[in-house]
């Protein structure tokens, strides 16, 4: 029922500037949709009031998941009132895939991107490094071997998140049993050298890296590939909730979205596991020609997870050319040539 990570939501105060930054930094230059509207189903997370917003879903056709760049139009988005620290509850870092971490580090540093520390290695020995965008969000560029195509950029798209949790043993079953990230790559406690460049990176933590045992499925599985989720629990301090006192869509990483099929069966499973849908569009919902059924659940700390069952996406809106998905075999990937058609919408600077 859950195919793969579709995208990560990013709340910003200037959609055009943020989209330009991720486009020029991470090569995410394919807008799947560019939509202005009112997320009427999300009022429980937007102050019990329908708000207006502008959102762009951007992809990198080398491979990986997307970013949904999201800006309020009806209110000024709020930043946290405190400095986010490793272990705070919610989405702390977005993971970006790269075929060659050292080459990506050199290239991004040469372009003037703010680097946090040097290339280091995680507990499994994989190379990675951290960067910060002009808006204060942190990204971890990690080694990844799965690519839809190569060439043109030193990174691909997103491939997961680092998420702060309050109780690892309570949170882990949500990510393993419901989301299917059921393989533990490592589960370690201590102070970690590869985190020292982060705020709170010198604190003692427990970190658990999870990946799915099942290969990605669905229409875009060849493009997106496998993902990972790293859970971090602070062991020396009481963490703060990243979105405490703020709305979904305020500044920072706002949700982790999964591509799914058979939403009704997934709803039943979530109910049985004690994590009912908190939002459910109940059927097709349109965004700039893209159509799908979406729903949200919360992890044990209230971190928002989105599910989307995609029915249709635009290939070239000007020609009214759309790709219909919901009548296909839901587990079968699209042919590569069909995915490459998305490049017709590439934004060029």
C-alpha atoms as a PDB file:
ATOM      1  CA  UNK A   1       0.000   0.000   0.000  1.00  0.00           C
ATOM      2  CA  UNK A   2       2.956   2.365   0.586  1.00  0.00           C
ATOM      3  CA  UNK A   3       5.178   2.588  -2.466  1.00  0.00           C
ATOM      4  CA  UNK A   4       7.939   5.088  -1.652  1.00  0.00           C
ATOM      5  CA  UNK A   5       8.628   8.603  -0.374  1.00  0.00           C
ATOM      6  CA  UNK A   6       7.020  11.059  -2.777  1.00  0.00           C
ATOM      7  CA  UNK A   7       8.168  14.421  -1.399  1.00  0.00           C
ATOM      8  CA  UNK A   8       9.055  16.545   1.604  1.00  0.00           C
ATOM      9  CA  UNK A   9       7.052  19.683   2.351  1.00  0.00           C
ATOM     10  CA  UNK A  10       9.043  22.877   2.902  1.00  0.00           C
ATOM     11  CA  UNK A  11       7.338  25.941   4.368  1.00  0.00           C
ATOM     12  CA  UNK A  12       8.918  29.209   3.160  1.00  0.00           C
ATOM     13  CA  UNK A  13       8.264  32.954   3.188  1.00  0.00           C
ATOM     14  CA  UNK A  14       9.275  33.467  -0.475  1.00  0.00           C
ATOM     15  CA  UNK A  15       8.306  30.617  -2.783  1.00  0.00           C
ATOM     16  CA  UNK A  16      10.126  31.956  -5.828  1.00  0.00           C
ATOM     17  CA  UNK A  17      13.392  32.510  -3.979  1.00  0.00           C
ATOM     18  CA  UNK A  18      13.227  29.095  -2.269  1.00  0.00           C
ATOM     19  CA  UNK A  19      12.423  27.277  -5.509  1.00  0.00           C
ATOM     20  CA  UNK A  20      15.314  29.062  -7.210  1.00  0.00           C
ATOM     21  CA  UNK A  21      17.681  27.973  -4.417  1.00  0.00           C
ATOM     22  CA  UNK A  22      16.751  24.268  -4.497  1.00  0.00           C
ATOM     23  CA  UNK A  23      16.814  24.379  -8.299  1.00  0.00           C
ATOM     24  CA  UNK A  24      20.308  25.838  -8.497  1.00  0.00           C
ATOM     25  CA  UNK A  25      21.681  23.893  -5.511  1.00  0.00           C
ATOM     26  CA  UNK A  26      20.099  20.443  -5.871  1.00  0.00           C
ATOM     27  CA  UNK A  27      18.983  20.473  -9.523  1.00  0.00           C
ATOM     28  CA  UNK A  28      15.284  20.172  -8.653  1.00  0.00           C
ATOM     29  CA  UNK A  29      14.097  21.974 -11.785  1.00  0.00           C
ATOM     30  CA  UNK A  30      10.976  20.044 -12.836  1.00  0.00           C
ATOM     31  CA  UNK A  31       7.766  21.568 -11.410  1.00  0.00           C
ATOM     32  CA  UNK A  32       5.174  18.779 -11.293  1.00  0.00           C
ATOM     33  CA  UNK A  33       2.572  21.308 -10.228  1.00  0.00           C
ATOM     34  CA  UNK A  34       2.539  25.041  -9.473  1.00  0.00           C
ATOM     35  CA  UNK A  35      -0.690  25.810  -7.681  1.00  0.00           C
ATOM     36  CA  UNK A  36      -2.328  28.649  -5.808  1.00  0.00           C
ATOM     37  CA  UNK A  37      -5.323  27.740  -3.700  1.00  0.00           C
ATOM     38  CA  UNK A  38      -6.906  27.022  -0.324  1.00  0.00           C
ATOM     39  CA  UNK A  39      -6.130  23.746   1.494  1.00  0.00           C
ATOM     40  CA  UNK A  40      -9.653  23.450   2.884  1.00  0.00           C
ATOM     41  CA  UNK A  41      -9.111  20.006   4.409  1.00  0.00           C
ATOM     42  CA  UNK A  42      -6.188  21.166   6.551  1.00  0.00           C
ATOM     43  CA  UNK A  43      -8.014  23.654   8.795  1.00  0.00           C
ATOM     44  CA  UNK A  44      -7.266  21.674  11.963  1.00  0.00           C
ATOM     45  CA  UNK A  45      -3.585  22.474  11.298  1.00  0.00           C
ATOM     46  CA  UNK A  46      -4.088  26.064  10.055  1.00  0.00           C
ATOM     47  CA  UNK A  47      -5.778  27.704  13.033  1.00  0.00           C
ATOM     48  CA  UNK A  48      -9.295  26.369  12.285  1.00  0.00           C
ATOM     49  CA  UNK A  49      -9.384  28.739   9.344  1.00  0.00           C
ATOM     50  CA  UNK A  50      -9.052  28.200   5.601  1.00  0.00           C
ATOM     51  CA  UNK A  51      -5.781  29.817   4.542  1.00  0.00           C
ATOM     52  CA  UNK A  52      -4.520  30.692   1.090  1.00  0.00           C
ATOM     53  CA  UNK A  53      -1.205  29.324  -0.154  1.00  0.00           C
ATOM     54  CA  UNK A  54       1.022  28.828  -3.191  1.00  0.00           C
ATOM     55  CA  UNK A  55       2.819  25.494  -3.628  1.00  0.00           C
ATOM     56  CA  UNK A  56       5.294  24.112  -6.166  1.00  0.00           C
ATOM     57  CA  UNK A  57       6.268  20.433  -6.285  1.00  0.00           C
ATOM     58  CA  UNK A  58       9.795  20.186  -7.726  1.00  0.00           C
ATOM     59  CA  UNK A  59      11.691  17.091  -8.889  1.00  0.00           C
ATOM     60  CA  UNK A  60      15.204  16.197 -10.056  1.00  0.00           C
ATOM     61  CA  UNK A  61      14.967  13.708 -12.949  1.00  0.00           C
ATOM     62  CA  UNK A  62      18.293  12.092 -12.080  1.00  0.00           C
ATOM     63  CA  UNK A  63      16.420  10.371  -9.269  1.00  0.00           C
ATOM     64  CA  UNK A  64      14.964  10.792  -5.815  1.00  0.00           C
ATOM     65  CA  UNK A  65      11.867  12.304  -4.264  1.00  0.00           C
ATOM     66  CA  UNK A  66      10.658  15.889  -4.537  1.00  0.00           C
ATOM     67  CA  UNK A  67      10.223  19.063  -2.536  1.00  0.00           C
ATOM     68  CA  UNK A  68       6.833  20.699  -2.133  1.00  0.00           C
ATOM     69  CA  UNK A  69       7.793  24.357  -1.679  1.00  0.00           C
ATOM     70  CA  UNK A  70       4.873  25.884   0.226  1.00  0.00           C
ATOM     71  CA  UNK A  71       4.140  29.563   0.996  1.00  0.00           C
ATOM     72  CA  UNK A  72       1.252  31.156   2.872  1.00  0.00           C
ATOM     73  CA  UNK A  73      -0.462  34.003   0.997  1.00  0.00           C
ATOM     74  CA  UNK A  74      -3.071  34.849   3.637  1.00  0.00           C
ATOM     75  CA  UNK A  75      -0.716  35.255   6.626  1.00  0.00           C
ATOM     76  CA  UNK A  76       2.940  35.741   7.466  1.00  0.00           C
ATOM     77  CA  UNK A  77       4.540  32.329   8.117  1.00  0.00           C
ATOM     78  CA  UNK A  78       6.178  32.011  11.514  1.00  0.00           C
ATOM     79  CA  UNK A  79       9.655  30.760  12.370  1.00  0.00           C
ATOM     80  CA  UNK A  80      10.347  28.791  15.567  1.00  0.00           C
ATOM     81  CA  UNK A  81      10.955  30.992  18.608  1.00  0.00           C
ATOM     82  CA  UNK A  82      14.020  28.919  19.520  1.00  0.00           C
ATOM     83  CA  UNK A  83      17.081  27.476  17.808  1.00  0.00           C
ATOM     84  CA  UNK A  84      16.274  24.004  16.517  1.00  0.00           C
ATOM     85  CA  UNK A  85      18.516  21.416  18.150  1.00  0.00           C
ATOM     86  CA  UNK A  86      19.304  17.807  17.305  1.00  0.00           C
ATOM     87  CA  UNK A  87      16.599  15.684  18.909  1.00  0.00           C
ATOM     88  CA  UNK A  88      13.839  18.310  18.841  1.00  0.00           C
ATOM     89  CA  UNK A  89      10.548  16.706  17.860  1.00  0.00           C
ATOM     90  CA  UNK A  90       9.710  16.662  14.175  1.00  0.00           C
ATOM     91  CA  UNK A  91      11.565  17.066  10.886  1.00  0.00           C
ATOM     92  CA  UNK A  92      15.032  18.401  11.645  1.00  0.00           C
ATOM     93  CA  UNK A  93      16.922  17.557   8.439  1.00  0.00           C
ATOM     94  CA  UNK A  94      16.026  16.575   4.863  1.00  0.00           C
ATOM     95  CA  UNK A  95      18.261  13.983   3.209  1.00  0.00           C
ATOM     96  CA  UNK A  96      19.535  14.569  -0.351  1.00  0.00           C
ATOM     97  CA  UNK A  97      21.095  11.786  -2.427  1.00  0.00           C
ATOM     98  CA  UNK A  98      24.412  12.059  -4.286  1.00  0.00           C
ATOM     99  CA  UNK A  99      26.397   9.562  -6.393  1.00  0.00           C
ATOM    100  CA  UNK A 100      29.737  10.969  -5.185  1.00  0.00           C
ATOM    101  CA  UNK A 101      29.641  12.733  -1.818  1.00  0.00           C
ATOM    102  CA  UNK A 102      33.154  14.190  -2.077  1.00  0.00           C
ATOM    103  CA  UNK A 103      32.430  15.641  -5.527  1.00  0.00           C
ATOM    104  CA  UNK A 104      29.119  17.068  -4.299  1.00  0.00           C
ATOM    105  CA  UNK A 105      30.852  18.666  -1.308  1.00  0.00           C
ATOM    106  CA  UNK A 106      33.488  20.342  -3.478  1.00  0.00           C
ATOM    107  CA  UNK A 107      30.943  21.560  -6.018  1.00  0.00           C
ATOM    108  CA  UNK A 108      28.483  23.000  -3.517  1.00  0.00           C
ATOM    109  CA  UNK A 109      31.247  24.662  -1.517  1.00  0.00           C
ATOM    110  CA  UNK A 110      32.548  26.213  -4.734  1.00  0.00           C
ATOM    111  CA  UNK A 111      29.097  27.631  -5.421  1.00  0.00           C
ATOM    112  CA  UNK A 112      29.076  29.386  -2.066  1.00  0.00           C
ATOM    113  CA  UNK A 113      26.584  27.111  -0.307  1.00  0.00           C
ATOM    114  CA  UNK A 114      26.875  27.303   3.495  1.00  0.00           C
ATOM    115  CA  UNK A 115      28.595  24.084   4.610  1.00  0.00           C
ATOM    116  CA  UNK A 116      28.238  22.712   8.136  1.00  0.00           C
ATOM    117  CA  UNK A 117      31.505  20.924   8.819  1.00  0.00           C
ATOM    118  CA  UNK A 118      33.285  18.532   6.493  1.00  0.00           C
ATOM    119  CA  UNK A 119      32.528  15.177   4.894  1.00  0.00           C
ATOM    120  CA  UNK A 120      32.176  12.580   7.654  1.00  0.00           C
ATOM    121  CA  UNK A 121      30.869   9.032   8.058  1.00  0.00           C
ATOM    122  CA  UNK A 122      27.823   7.661   9.818  1.00  0.00           C
ATOM    123  CA  UNK A 123      27.848   4.504  12.000  1.00  0.00           C
ATOM    124  CA  UNK A 124      27.598   2.254   8.927  1.00  0.00           C
ATOM    125  CA  UNK A 125      30.595   3.972   7.340  1.00  0.00           C
ATOM    126  CA  UNK A 126      28.668   5.911   4.670  1.00  0.00           C
ATOM    127  CA  UNK A 127      29.985   9.345   3.693  1.00  0.00           C
ATOM    128  CA  UNK A 128      27.786  12.410   4.146  1.00  0.00           C
ATOM    129  CA  UNK A 129      27.860  16.135   4.916  1.00  0.00           C
ATOM    130  CA  UNK A 130      25.479  18.906   5.955  1.00  0.00           C
ATOM    131  CA  UNK A 131      24.549  22.208   4.312  1.00  0.00           C
ATOM    132  CA  UNK A 132      22.237  25.040   5.328  1.00  0.00           C
ATOM    133  CA  UNK A 133      20.009  27.035   2.997  1.00  0.00           C
ATOM    134  CA  UNK A 134      19.604  30.841   3.227  1.00  0.00           C
ATOM    135  CA  UNK A 135      16.411  30.306   5.244  1.00  0.00           C
ATOM    136  CA  UNK A 136      17.988  28.253   8.047  1.00  0.00           C
ATOM    137  CA  UNK A 137      16.969  24.738   6.944  1.00  0.00           C
ATOM    138  CA  UNK A 138      19.562  21.949   7.146  1.00  0.00           C
ATOM    139  CA  UNK A 139      20.127  19.231   4.526  1.00  0.00           C
ATOM    140  CA  UNK A 140      22.209  16.083   4.740  1.00  0.00           C
ATOM    141  CA  UNK A 141      23.795  15.001   1.456  1.00  0.00           C
ATOM    142  CA  UNK A 142      24.261  11.228   1.583  1.00  0.00           C
ATOM    143  CA  UNK A 143      25.800   8.510  -0.540  1.00  0.00           C
ATOM    144  CA  UNK A 144      23.267   6.689  -2.724  1.00  0.00           C
ATOM    145  CA  UNK A 145      23.655   4.126  -5.495  1.00  0.00           C
ATOM    146  CA  UNK A 146      20.141   4.180  -7.048  1.00  0.00           C
ATOM    147  CA  UNK A 147      19.711   6.509 -10.039  1.00  0.00           C
ATOM    148  CA  UNK A 148      17.125   6.887 -12.756  1.00  0.00           C
ATOM    149  CA  UNK A 149      19.698   8.551 -15.005  1.00  0.00           C
ATOM    150  CA  UNK A 150      23.072  10.174 -14.469  1.00  0.00           C
ATOM    151  CA  UNK A 151      24.658  13.405 -15.566  1.00  0.00           C
ATOM    152  CA  UNK A 152      23.934  17.074 -15.268  1.00  0.00           C
ATOM    153  CA  UNK A 153      24.023  17.594 -11.490  1.00  0.00           C
ATOM    154  CA  UNK A 154      26.053  16.518  -8.467  1.00  0.00           C
ATOM    155  CA  UNK A 155      22.993  15.572  -6.443  1.00  0.00           C
ATOM    156  CA  UNK A 156      19.624  14.007  -7.004  1.00  0.00           C
ATOM    157  CA  UNK A 157      16.428  14.701  -5.118  1.00  0.00           C
ATOM    158  CA  UNK A 158      15.409  13.987  -1.559  1.00  0.00           C
ATOM    159  CA  UNK A 159      15.498  10.491  -0.096  1.00  0.00           C
ATOM    160  CA  UNK A 160      14.287  10.797   3.478  1.00  0.00           C
ATOM    161  CA  UNK A 161      14.450  12.729   6.735  1.00  0.00           C
ATOM    162  CA  UNK A 162      16.067  12.902  10.122  1.00  0.00           C
ATOM    163  CA  UNK A 163      13.205  13.067  12.628  1.00  0.00           C
ATOM    164  CA  UNK A 164      13.363  13.857  16.324  1.00  0.00           C
ATOM    165  CA  UNK A 165      11.305  11.616  18.624  1.00  0.00           C
ATOM    166  CA  UNK A 166      10.680  11.679  22.374  1.00  0.00           C
ATOM    167  CA  UNK A 167      10.634   7.922  22.958  1.00  0.00           C
ATOM    168  CA  UNK A 168      12.408   5.702  20.443  1.00  0.00           C
ATOM    169  CA  UNK A 169      10.716   2.486  21.529  1.00  0.00           C
ATOM    170  CA  UNK A 170       7.285   4.095  21.221  1.00  0.00           C
ATOM    171  CA  UNK A 171       7.978   5.773  17.876  1.00  0.00           C
ATOM    172  CA  UNK A 172       9.865   3.061  16.034  1.00  0.00           C
ATOM    173  CA  UNK A 173       6.827   0.737  15.537  1.00  0.00           C
ATOM    174  CA  UNK A 174       4.970   3.552  13.752  1.00  0.00           C
ATOM    175  CA  UNK A 175       7.730   3.836  11.156  1.00  0.00           C
ATOM    176  CA  UNK A 176       8.376   0.103  10.857  1.00  0.00           C
ATOM    177  CA  UNK A 177       4.838  -1.317  10.985  1.00  0.00           C
ATOM    178  CA  UNK A 178       2.801   1.406   9.264  1.00  0.00           C
ATOM    179  CA  UNK A 179       5.284   3.074   6.903  1.00  0.00           C
ATOM    180  CA  UNK A 180       7.179  -0.137   6.122  1.00  0.00           C
ATOM    181  CA  UNK A 181      10.673   1.069   7.087  1.00  0.00           C
ATOM    182  CA  UNK A 182      11.166  -2.246   8.806  1.00  0.00           C
ATOM    183  CA  UNK A 183      14.923  -2.860   8.480  1.00  0.00           C
ATOM    184  CA  UNK A 184      17.207  -1.436  11.163  1.00  0.00           C
ATOM    185  CA  UNK A 185      20.551  -0.440   9.619  1.00  0.00           C
ATOM    186  CA  UNK A 186      21.921   0.693  12.977  1.00  0.00           C
ATOM    187  CA  UNK A 187      20.630   1.489  16.465  1.00  0.00           C
ATOM    188  CA  UNK A 188      23.280   3.220  18.563  1.00  0.00           C
ATOM    189  CA  UNK A 189      23.654   5.527  21.555  1.00  0.00           C
ATOM    190  CA  UNK A 190      26.351   8.063  22.333  1.00  0.00           C
ATOM    191  CA  UNK A 191      27.915  11.277  21.096  1.00  0.00           C
ATOM    192  CA  UNK A 192      28.667  11.033  17.381  1.00  0.00           C
ATOM    193  CA  UNK A 193      31.515  12.731  15.552  1.00  0.00           C
ATOM    194  CA  UNK A 194      29.513  13.066  12.322  1.00  0.00           C
ATOM    195  CA  UNK A 195      26.912  15.229  14.100  1.00  0.00           C
ATOM    196  CA  UNK A 196      29.283  17.677  15.803  1.00  0.00           C
ATOM    197  CA  UNK A 197      28.671  20.441  13.237  1.00  0.00           C
ATOM    198  CA  UNK A 198      24.925  20.467  14.042  1.00  0.00           C
ATOM    199  CA  UNK A 199      23.198  22.463  16.784  1.00  0.00           C
ATOM    200  CA  UNK A 200      23.188  20.058  19.726  1.00  0.00           C
ATOM    201  CA  UNK A 201      25.570  17.750  17.898  1.00  0.00           C
ATOM    202  CA  UNK A 202      27.639  17.274  21.044  1.00  0.00           C
ATOM    203  CA  UNK A 203      24.692  15.895  23.033  1.00  0.00           C
ATOM    204  CA  UNK A 204      24.218  12.254  23.865  1.00  0.00           C
ATOM    205  CA  UNK A 205      21.538  10.722  21.653  1.00  0.00           C
ATOM    206  CA  UNK A 206      20.091   7.468  20.415  1.00  0.00           C
ATOM    207  CA  UNK A 207      19.916   7.247  16.644  1.00  0.00           C
ATOM    208  CA  UNK A 208      18.181   4.577  14.574  1.00  0.00           C
ATOM    209  CA  UNK A 209      18.433   4.374  10.782  1.00  0.00           C
ATOM    210  CA  UNK A 210      15.508   2.611   9.098  1.00  0.00           C
ATOM    211  CA  UNK A 211      15.058   1.457   5.500  1.00  0.00           C
ATOM    212  CA  UNK A 212      12.281  -0.629   3.894  1.00  0.00           C
ATOM    213  CA  UNK A 213      12.905  -4.309   3.197  1.00  0.00           C
ATOM    214  CA  UNK A 214      10.568  -4.135   0.194  1.00  0.00           C
ATOM    215  CA  UNK A 215      11.765  -2.637  -3.066  1.00  0.00           C
ATOM    216  CA  UNK A 216       9.950   0.566  -4.103  1.00  0.00           C
ATOM    217  CA  UNK A 217       6.792   0.001  -6.122  1.00  0.00           C
ATOM    218  CA  UNK A 218       4.382   2.157  -8.054  1.00  0.00           C
ATOM    219  CA  UNK A 219       4.406   4.360 -11.121  1.00  0.00           C
ATOM    220  CA  UNK A 220       7.407   6.486 -10.110  1.00  0.00           C
ATOM    221  CA  UNK A 221       9.468   3.873  -8.279  1.00  0.00           C
ATOM    222  CA  UNK A 222      12.170   3.865 -10.986  1.00  0.00           C
ATOM    223  CA  UNK A 223      12.625   7.596 -10.566  1.00  0.00           C
ATOM    224  CA  UNK A 224      12.296   7.857  -6.796  1.00  0.00           C
ATOM    225  CA  UNK A 225      14.085   4.722  -5.622  1.00  0.00           C
ATOM    226  CA  UNK A 226      14.517   3.643  -1.995  1.00  0.00           C
ATOM    227  CA  UNK A 227      14.474   6.048   0.937  1.00  0.00           C
ATOM    228  CA  UNK A 228      15.557   6.139   4.554  1.00  0.00           C
ATOM    229  CA  UNK A 229      14.337   7.560   7.846  1.00  0.00           C
ATOM    230  CA  UNK A 230      16.668   8.328  10.731  1.00  0.00           C
ATOM    231  CA  UNK A 231      15.064   8.711  14.156  1.00  0.00           C
ATOM    232  CA  UNK A 232      16.952  10.638  16.840  1.00  0.00           C
ATOM    233  CA  UNK A 233      16.145  10.764  20.545  1.00  0.00           C
ATOM    234  CA  UNK A 234      17.869  13.163  22.920  1.00  0.00           C
ATOM    235  CA  UNK A 235      19.078  11.361  26.043  1.00  0.00           C
ATOM    236  CA  UNK A 236      20.310  14.353  28.076  1.00  0.00           C
ATOM    237  CA  UNK A 237      17.594  16.978  27.673  1.00  0.00           C
ATOM    238  CA  UNK A 238      13.856  17.401  27.176  1.00  0.00           C
ATOM    239  CA  UNK A 239      13.344  18.179  23.480  1.00  0.00           C
ATOM    240  CA  UNK A 240      11.047  20.887  22.168  1.00  0.00           C
ATOM    241  CA  UNK A 241       8.375  20.329  19.560  1.00  0.00           C
ATOM    242  CA  UNK A 242       9.536  22.024  16.346  1.00  0.00           C
ATOM    243  CA  UNK A 243       6.026  23.199  15.383  1.00  0.00           C
ATOM    244  CA  UNK A 244       4.811  24.017  18.882  1.00  0.00           C
ATOM    245  CA  UNK A 245       2.546  27.079  18.674  1.00  0.00           C
ATOM    246  CA  UNK A 246       2.801  27.240  14.879  1.00  0.00           C
ATOM    247  CA  UNK A 247       0.752  26.066  11.904  1.00  0.00           C
ATOM    248  CA  UNK A 248       1.421  23.448   9.265  1.00  0.00           C
ATOM    249  CA  UNK A 249       2.932  25.455   6.415  1.00  0.00           C
ATOM    250  CA  UNK A 250       4.958  27.727   8.680  1.00  0.00           C
ATOM    251  CA  UNK A 251       8.708  27.886   8.133  1.00  0.00           C
ATOM    252  CA  UNK A 252      10.646  24.626   7.980  1.00  0.00           C
ATOM    253  CA  UNK A 253      10.029  21.042   6.908  1.00  0.00           C
ATOM    254  CA  UNK A 254       6.270  20.579   7.291  1.00  0.00           C
ATOM    255  CA  UNK A 255       5.529  16.981   6.282  1.00  0.00           C
ATOM    256  CA  UNK A 256       6.913  13.768   4.819  1.00  0.00           C
ATOM    257  CA  UNK A 257       4.723  12.495   1.970  1.00  0.00           C
ATOM    258  CA  UNK A 258       4.399   8.915   0.710  1.00  0.00           C
ATOM    259  CA  UNK A 259       3.122   7.660  -2.635  1.00  0.00           C
ATOM    260  CA  UNK A 260       0.465   5.006  -1.920  1.00  0.00           C
ATOM    261  CA  UNK A 261      -2.223   2.911  -3.545  1.00  0.00           C
ATOM    262  CA  UNK A 262      -5.482   1.568  -2.093  1.00  0.00           C
ATOM    263  CA  UNK A 263      -6.046   4.417   0.361  1.00  0.00           C
ATOM    264  CA  UNK A 264      -9.051   2.726   1.924  1.00  0.00           C
ATOM    265  CA  UNK A 265      -7.048  -0.333   2.942  1.00  0.00           C
ATOM    266  CA  UNK A 266      -4.314   1.930   4.296  1.00  0.00           C
ATOM    267  CA  UNK A 267      -6.931   3.841   6.313  1.00  0.00           C
ATOM    268  CA  UNK A 268      -8.149   0.581   7.818  1.00  0.00           C
ATOM    269  CA  UNK A 269      -4.606  -0.458   8.711  1.00  0.00           C
ATOM    270  CA  UNK A 270      -3.856   2.884  10.365  1.00  0.00           C
ATOM    271  CA  UNK A 271      -7.091   2.654  12.371  1.00  0.00           C
ATOM    272  CA  UNK A 272      -6.198  -0.834  13.560  1.00  0.00           C
ATOM    273  CA  UNK A 273      -2.725   0.287  14.623  1.00  0.00           C
ATOM    274  CA  UNK A 274      -4.085   3.220  16.590  1.00  0.00           C
ATOM    275  CA  UNK A 275      -3.040   5.985  14.176  1.00  0.00           C
ATOM    276  CA  UNK A 276      -6.276   7.130  12.473  1.00  0.00           C
ATOM    277  CA  UNK A 277      -6.285   9.598   9.618  1.00  0.00           C
ATOM    278  CA  UNK A 278      -6.514  13.133  10.986  1.00  0.00           C
ATOM    279  CA  UNK A 279      -7.200  14.554   7.506  1.00  0.00           C
ATOM    280  CA  UNK A 280      -8.798  12.765   4.562  1.00  0.00           C
ATOM    281  CA  UNK A 281      -9.777  14.385   1.265  1.00  0.00           C
ATOM    282  CA  UNK A 282     -12.170  11.473   0.795  1.00  0.00           C
ATOM    283  CA  UNK A 283     -11.494  11.301  -2.920  1.00  0.00           C
ATOM    284  CA  UNK A 284      -9.966  13.270  -5.804  1.00  0.00           C
ATOM    285  CA  UNK A 285      -8.375  16.615  -4.978  1.00  0.00           C
ATOM    286  CA  UNK A 286      -6.982  18.820  -7.765  1.00  0.00           C
ATOM    287  CA  UNK A 287      -3.790  20.893  -7.715  1.00  0.00           C
ATOM    288  CA  UNK A 288      -2.843  22.591 -11.004  1.00  0.00           C
ATOM    289  CA  UNK A 289      -3.955  19.646 -13.134  1.00  0.00           C
ATOM    290  CA  UNK A 290      -2.500  17.038 -10.774  1.00  0.00           C
ATOM    291  CA  UNK A 291      -5.247  14.990  -9.123  1.00  0.00           C
ATOM    292  CA  UNK A 292      -5.145  12.578  -6.226  1.00  0.00           C
ATOM    293  CA  UNK A 293      -6.575  11.390  -2.925  1.00  0.00           C
ATOM    294  CA  UNK A 294      -4.601  12.562   0.100  1.00  0.00           C
ATOM    295  CA  UNK A 295      -4.661  11.927   3.836  1.00  0.00           C
ATOM    296  CA  UNK A 296      -2.580  12.682   6.930  1.00  0.00           C
ATOM    297  CA  UNK A 297      -1.627  10.823  10.088  1.00  0.00           C
ATOM    298  CA  UNK A 298       0.491  11.855  13.053  1.00  0.00           C
ATOM    299  CA  UNK A 299       3.410   9.906  14.512  1.00  0.00           C
ATOM    300  CA  UNK A 300       3.423   9.468  18.326  1.00  0.00           C
ATOM    301  CA  UNK A 301       4.843  13.002  18.753  1.00  0.00           C
ATOM    302  CA  UNK A 302       2.406  14.646  16.345  1.00  0.00           C
ATOM    303  CA  UNK A 303       4.809  14.836  13.378  1.00  0.00           C
ATOM    304  CA  UNK A 304       2.770  14.967  10.165  1.00  0.00           C
ATOM    305  CA  UNK A 305       2.931  12.173   7.608  1.00  0.00           C
ATOM    306  CA  UNK A 306       1.063  12.610   4.328  1.00  0.00           C
ATOM    307  CA  UNK A 307      -0.241   9.872   2.022  1.00  0.00           C
ATOM    308  CA  UNK A 308      -1.079  10.600  -1.619  1.00  0.00           C
ATOM    309  CA  UNK A 309      -2.700   8.260  -4.116  1.00  0.00           C
ATOM    310  CA  UNK A 310      -2.010   9.988  -7.428  1.00  0.00           C
ATOM    311  CA  UNK A 311      -4.613   9.759 -10.187  1.00  0.00           C
ATOM    312  CA  UNK A 312      -3.235  12.176 -12.761  1.00  0.00           C
ATOM    313  CA  UNK A 313      -0.240  14.475 -13.321  1.00  0.00           C
ATOM    314  CA  UNK A 314       0.413  17.065 -16.048  1.00  0.00           C
ATOM    315  CA  UNK A 315       3.107  16.377 -18.655  1.00  0.00           C
ATOM    316  CA  UNK A 316       2.587  19.626 -20.581  1.00  0.00           C
ATOM    317  CA  UNK A 317      -0.284  21.762 -19.327  1.00  0.00           C
ATOM    318  CA  UNK A 318      -0.220  24.157 -22.298  1.00  0.00           C
ATOM    319  CA  UNK A 319      -1.152  21.269 -24.589  1.00  0.00           C
ATOM    320  CA  UNK A 320      -3.564  19.731 -22.051  1.00  0.00           C
ATOM    321  CA  UNK A 321      -1.334  16.652 -21.943  1.00  0.00           C
ATOM    322  CA  UNK A 322      -1.811  14.601 -18.782  1.00  0.00           C
ATOM    323  CA  UNK A 323      -0.733  11.201 -17.530  1.00  0.00           C
ATOM    324  CA  UNK A 324      -3.532   9.160 -15.960  1.00  0.00           C
ATOM    325  CA  UNK A 325      -2.357   6.671 -13.343  1.00  0.00           C
ATOM    326  CA  UNK A 326      -5.254   5.276 -11.321  1.00  0.00           C
ATOM    327  CA  UNK A 327      -6.335   2.782 -14.003  1.00  0.00           C
ATOM    328  CA  UNK A 328      -2.871   1.215 -14.263  1.00  0.00           C
ATOM    329  CA  UNK A 329      -1.463  -1.707 -12.277  1.00  0.00           C
ATOM    330  CA  UNK A 330      -0.575   0.172  -9.057  1.00  0.00           C
ATOM    331  CA  UNK A 331       2.611  -1.819  -8.469  1.00  0.00           C
ATOM    332  CA  UNK A 332       3.974  -1.468 -12.007  1.00  0.00           C
ATOM    333  CA  UNK A 333       6.526   1.286 -12.710  1.00  0.00           C
ATOM    334  CA  UNK A 334       6.042   3.633 -15.625  1.00  0.00           C
ATOM    335  CA  UNK A 335       8.282   3.102 -18.666  1.00  0.00           C
ATOM    336  CA  UNK A 336      11.423   5.212 -18.490  1.00  0.00           C
ATOM    337  CA  UNK A 337      10.557   7.122 -21.680  1.00  0.00           C
ATOM    338  CA  UNK A 338       7.299   8.240 -20.119  1.00  0.00           C
ATOM    339  CA  UNK A 339       9.002   9.597 -16.984  1.00  0.00           C
ATOM    340  CA  UNK A 340      11.524  11.433 -19.159  1.00  0.00           C
ATOM    341  CA  UNK A 341       8.637  13.353 -20.737  1.00  0.00           C
ATOM    342  CA  UNK A 342       8.472  15.345 -17.497  1.00  0.00           C
ATOM    343  CA  UNK A 343      11.627  17.112 -18.648  1.00  0.00           C
ATOM    344  CA  UNK A 344       9.440  19.031 -21.115  1.00  0.00           C
ATOM    345  CA  UNK A 345       8.427  21.203 -18.186  1.00  0.00           C
ATOM    346  CA  UNK A 346      11.996  21.916 -16.967  1.00  0.00           C
ATOM    347  CA  UNK A 347      12.612  25.425 -15.644  1.00  0.00           C
ATOM    348  CA  UNK A 348      15.752  26.906 -17.192  1.00  0.00           C
ATOM    349  CA  UNK A 349      17.600  29.942 -15.869  1.00  0.00           C
END
